[in-house]
PDB file of N, CA and C in Angstrom:
ATOM      1  N   UNK A   1       1.057  -0.999   0.083  1.00  0.00           N
ATOM      2  CA  UNK A   1      -0.181  -0.093   0.155  1.00  0.00           C
ATOM      3  C   UNK A   1       0.847   1.215   0.016  1.00  0.00           C
ATOM      4  N   UNK A   2       1.973   1.291   0.835  1.00  0.00           N
ATOM      5  CA  UNK A   2       2.863   2.359   0.787  1.00  0.00           C
ATOM      6  C   UNK A   2       3.271   2.941  -0.765  1.00  0.00           C
ATOM      7  N   UNK A   3       3.953   1.555  -1.495  1.00  0.00           N
ATOM      8  CA  UNK A   3       3.993   1.646  -3.108  1.00  0.00           C
ATOM      9  C   UNK A   3       2.864   3.031  -3.655  1.00  0.00           C
ATOM     10  N   UNK A   4       1.544   1.934  -3.640  1.00  0.00           N
ATOM     11  CA  UNK A   4       1.061   2.875  -4.337  1.00  0.00           C
ATOM     12  C   UNK A   4       0.533   4.279  -4.036  1.00  0.00           C
ATOM     13  N   UNK A   5       0.815   4.354  -2.605  1.00  0.00           N
ATOM     14  CA  UNK A   5       0.407   6.117  -2.378  1.00  0.00           C
ATOM     15  C   UNK A   5       1.746   6.788  -2.706  1.00  0.00           C
ATOM     16  N   UNK A   6       2.979   6.108  -2.867  1.00  0.00           N
ATOM     17  CA  UNK A   6       3.941   7.239  -3.015  1.00  0.00           C
ATOM     18  C   UNK A   6       3.855   7.506  -4.777  1.00  0.00           C
ATOM     19  N   UNK A   7       3.390   6.687  -5.694  1.00  0.00           N
ATOM     20  CA  UNK A   7       3.461   7.120  -7.015  1.00  0.00           C
ATOM     21  C   UNK A   7       2.476   8.154  -7.091  1.00  0.00           C
ATOM     22  N   UNK A   8       1.181   7.850  -6.463  1.00  0.00           N
ATOM     23  CA  UNK A   8      -0.163   8.604  -6.622  1.00  0.00           C
ATOM     24  C   UNK A   8       0.136  10.323  -6.437  1.00  0.00           C
ATOM     25  N   UNK A   9      -0.301  10.816  -7.216  1.00  0.00           N
ATOM     26  CA  UNK A   9      -0.094  12.492  -6.906  1.00  0.00           C
ATOM     27  C   UNK A   9      -0.894  13.089  -6.061  1.00  0.00           C
ATOM     28  N   UNK A  10      -1.612  12.158  -5.083  1.00  0.00           N
ATOM     29  CA  UNK A  10      -2.319  12.932  -4.318  1.00  0.00           C
ATOM     30  C   UNK A  10      -4.021  13.260  -4.823  1.00  0.00           C
ATOM     31  N   UNK A  11      -4.411  14.334  -4.419  1.00  0.00           N
ATOM     32  CA  UNK A  11      -5.785  14.739  -4.971  1.00  0.00           C
ATOM     33  C   UNK A  11      -6.004  14.804  -6.696  1.00  0.00           C
ATOM     34  N   UNK A  12      -4.754  14.875  -7.023  1.00  0.00           N
ATOM     35  CA  UNK A  12      -5.045  14.950  -8.792  1.00  0.00           C
ATOM     36  C   UNK A  12      -5.426  13.518  -9.187  1.00  0.00           C
ATOM     37  N   UNK A  13      -4.598  12.609  -8.647  1.00  0.00           N
ATOM     38  CA  UNK A  13      -5.031  11.379  -9.204  1.00  0.00           C
ATOM     39  C   UNK A  13      -6.226  10.855  -9.165  1.00  0.00           C
ATOM     40  N   UNK A  14      -6.449  11.264  -8.073  1.00  0.00           N
ATOM     41  CA  UNK A  14      -7.920  10.850  -7.311  1.00  0.00           C
ATOM     42  C   UNK A  14      -9.141  11.186  -8.338  1.00  0.00           C
ATOM     43  N   UNK A  15      -8.701  12.539  -8.403  1.00  0.00           N
ATOM     44  CA  UNK A  15      -9.669  13.355  -9.259  1.00  0.00           C
ATOM     45  C   UNK A  15      -9.916  12.712 -10.887  1.00  0.00           C
ATOM     46  N   UNK A  16      -8.638  12.363 -11.159  1.00  0.00           N
ATOM     47  CA  UNK A  16      -8.800  12.129 -12.738  1.00  0.00           C
ATOM     48  C   UNK A  16      -9.565  10.430 -12.401  1.00  0.00           C
ATOM     49  N   UNK A  17      -9.382   9.907 -11.499  1.00  0.00           N
ATOM     50  CA  UNK A  17     -10.187   8.541 -11.490  1.00  0.00           C
ATOM     51  C   UNK A  17     -11.492   8.889 -11.437  1.00  0.00           C
ATOM     52  N   UNK A  18     -11.943  10.019 -10.855  1.00  0.00           N
ATOM     53  CA  UNK A  18     -13.113  10.315 -10.661  1.00  0.00           C
ATOM     54  C   UNK A  18     -13.980  10.518 -11.785  1.00  0.00           C
ATOM     55  N   UNK A  19     -13.001  11.737 -12.376  1.00  0.00           N
ATOM     56  CA  UNK A  19     -13.799  11.420 -13.664  1.00  0.00           C
ATOM     57  C   UNK A  19     -13.629  10.620 -14.736  1.00  0.00           C
ATOM     58  N   UNK A  20     -13.178  10.146 -14.941  1.00  0.00           N
ATOM     59  CA  UNK A  20     -13.382   8.849 -15.772  1.00  0.00           C
ATOM     60  C   UNK A  20     -14.263   7.672 -15.267  1.00  0.00           C
ATOM     61  N   UNK A  21     -14.414   7.484 -14.315  1.00  0.00           N
ATOM     62  CA  UNK A  21     -15.365   6.674 -13.891  1.00  0.00           C
ATOM     63  C   UNK A  21     -16.761   7.127 -13.913  1.00  0.00           C
ATOM     64  N   UNK A  22     -16.879   8.678 -13.715  1.00  0.00           N
ATOM     65  CA  UNK A  22     -18.452   9.587 -14.020  1.00  0.00           C
ATOM     66  C   UNK A  22     -18.563   9.673 -15.613  1.00  0.00           C
ATOM     67  N   UNK A  23     -17.619   9.816 -16.753  1.00  0.00           N
ATOM     68  CA  UNK A  23     -18.081   9.689 -17.850  1.00  0.00           C
ATOM     69  C   UNK A  23     -18.046   8.041 -18.074  1.00  0.00           C
ATOM     70  N   UNK A  24     -17.484   7.028 -17.863  1.00  0.00           N
ATOM     71  CA  UNK A  24     -18.069   5.848 -17.825  1.00  0.00           C
ATOM     72  C   UNK A  24     -19.017   5.376 -17.447  1.00  0.00           C
ATOM     73  N   UNK A  25     -19.627   5.803 -16.195  1.00  0.00           N
ATOM     74  CA  UNK A  25     -20.813   5.284 -15.900  1.00  0.00           C
ATOM     75  C   UNK A  25     -22.061   6.555 -16.961  1.00  0.00           C
ATOM     76  N   UNK A  26     -21.577   7.238 -17.170  1.00  0.00           N
ATOM     77  CA  UNK A  26     -22.554   7.936 -18.140  1.00  0.00           C
ATOM     78  C   UNK A  26     -23.253   7.560 -19.293  1.00  0.00           C
ATOM     79  N   UNK A  27     -21.537   7.108 -20.031  1.00  0.00           N
ATOM     80  CA  UNK A  27     -21.631   6.171 -21.168  1.00  0.00           C
ATOM     81  C   UNK A  27     -22.437   5.040 -21.129  1.00  0.00           C
ATOM     82  N   UNK A  28     -22.131   4.421 -20.001  1.00  0.00           N
ATOM     83  CA  UNK A  28     -22.755   3.067 -20.281  1.00  0.00           C
ATOM     84  C   UNK A  28     -24.463   3.200 -19.530  1.00  0.00           C
ATOM     85  N   UNK A  29     -24.810   4.627 -19.153  1.00  0.00           N
ATOM     86  CA  UNK A  29     -26.081   4.638 -19.057  1.00  0.00           C
ATOM     87  C   UNK A  29     -27.079   4.900 -19.983  1.00  0.00           C
ATOM     88  N   UNK A  30     -26.064   5.877 -21.237  1.00  0.00           N
ATOM     89  CA  UNK A  30     -26.738   6.563 -22.462  1.00  0.00           C
ATOM     90  C   UNK A  30     -26.943   4.709 -22.969  1.00  0.00           C
ATOM     91  N   UNK A  31     -25.814   3.924 -22.897  1.00  0.00           N
ATOM     92  CA  UNK A  31     -26.241   2.856 -23.750  1.00  0.00           C
ATOM     93  C   UNK A  31     -27.309   1.663 -23.292  1.00  0.00           C
ATOM     94  N   UNK A  32     -27.479   1.725 -21.898  1.00  0.00           N
ATOM     95  CA  UNK A  32     -28.568   1.247 -21.571  1.00  0.00           C
ATOM     96  C   UNK A  32     -29.646   1.732 -21.897  1.00  0.00           C
ATOM     97  N   UNK A  33     -29.571   3.003 -22.105  1.00  0.00           N
ATOM     98  CA  UNK A  33     -31.427   3.399 -22.428  1.00  0.00           C
ATOM     99  C   UNK A  33     -31.563   3.205 -23.567  1.00  0.00           C
ATOM    100  N   UNK A  34     -30.684   3.374 -24.695  1.00  0.00           N
ATOM    101  CA  UNK A  34     -30.629   2.910 -26.152  1.00  0.00           C
ATOM    102  C   UNK A  34     -30.860   1.498 -26.333  1.00  0.00           C
ATOM    103  N   UNK A  35     -30.246   0.486 -25.500  1.00  0.00           N
ATOM    104  CA  UNK A  35     -30.645  -1.182 -25.672  1.00  0.00           C
ATOM    105  C   UNK A  35     -32.144  -1.217 -24.861  1.00  0.00           C
ATOM    106  N   UNK A  36     -32.667  -0.536 -24.184  1.00  0.00           N
ATOM    107  CA  UNK A  36     -33.716  -0.956 -23.375  1.00  0.00           C
ATOM    108  C   UNK A  36     -34.932  -0.367 -24.160  1.00  0.00           C
ATOM    109  N   UNK A  37     -34.647   1.047 -25.204  1.00  0.00           N
ATOM    110  CA  UNK A  37     -35.700   1.124 -25.946  1.00  0.00           C
ATOM    111  C   UNK A  37     -35.572   0.484 -27.200  1.00  0.00           C
ATOM    112  N   UNK A  38     -34.541  -0.361 -27.853  1.00  0.00           N
ATOM    113  CA  UNK A  38     -34.387  -0.960 -28.789  1.00  0.00           C
ATOM    114  C   UNK A  38     -35.321  -2.495 -28.551  1.00  0.00           C
ATOM    115  N   UNK A  39     -35.904  -2.638 -27.110  1.00  0.00           N
ATOM    116  CA  UNK A  39     -36.292  -3.944 -27.181  1.00  0.00           C
ATOM    117  C   UNK A  39     -38.231  -3.369 -26.857  1.00  0.00           C
ATOM    118  N   UNK A  40     -38.475  -2.388 -26.758  1.00  0.00           N
ATOM    119  CA  UNK A  40     -39.560  -1.693 -26.517  1.00  0.00           C
ATOM    120  C   UNK A  40     -40.095  -1.260 -28.087  1.00  0.00           C
ATOM    121  N   UNK A  41     -39.351  -1.437 -28.854  1.00  0.00           N
ATOM    122  CA  UNK A  41     -40.117  -0.939 -30.359  1.00  0.00           C
ATOM    123  C   UNK A  41     -40.983  -2.399 -31.058  1.00  0.00           C
TER     124      UNK A  41
END
């Protein structure tokens, strides 16, 4: 765990991971909505 914290740039690395996960979740939500609408047609 110490080696992970040593290479992490602190809050900046955590914010990058947060933004990446938010973008991924948003894309997955859009894909899920399109997938559900394809079944409702």
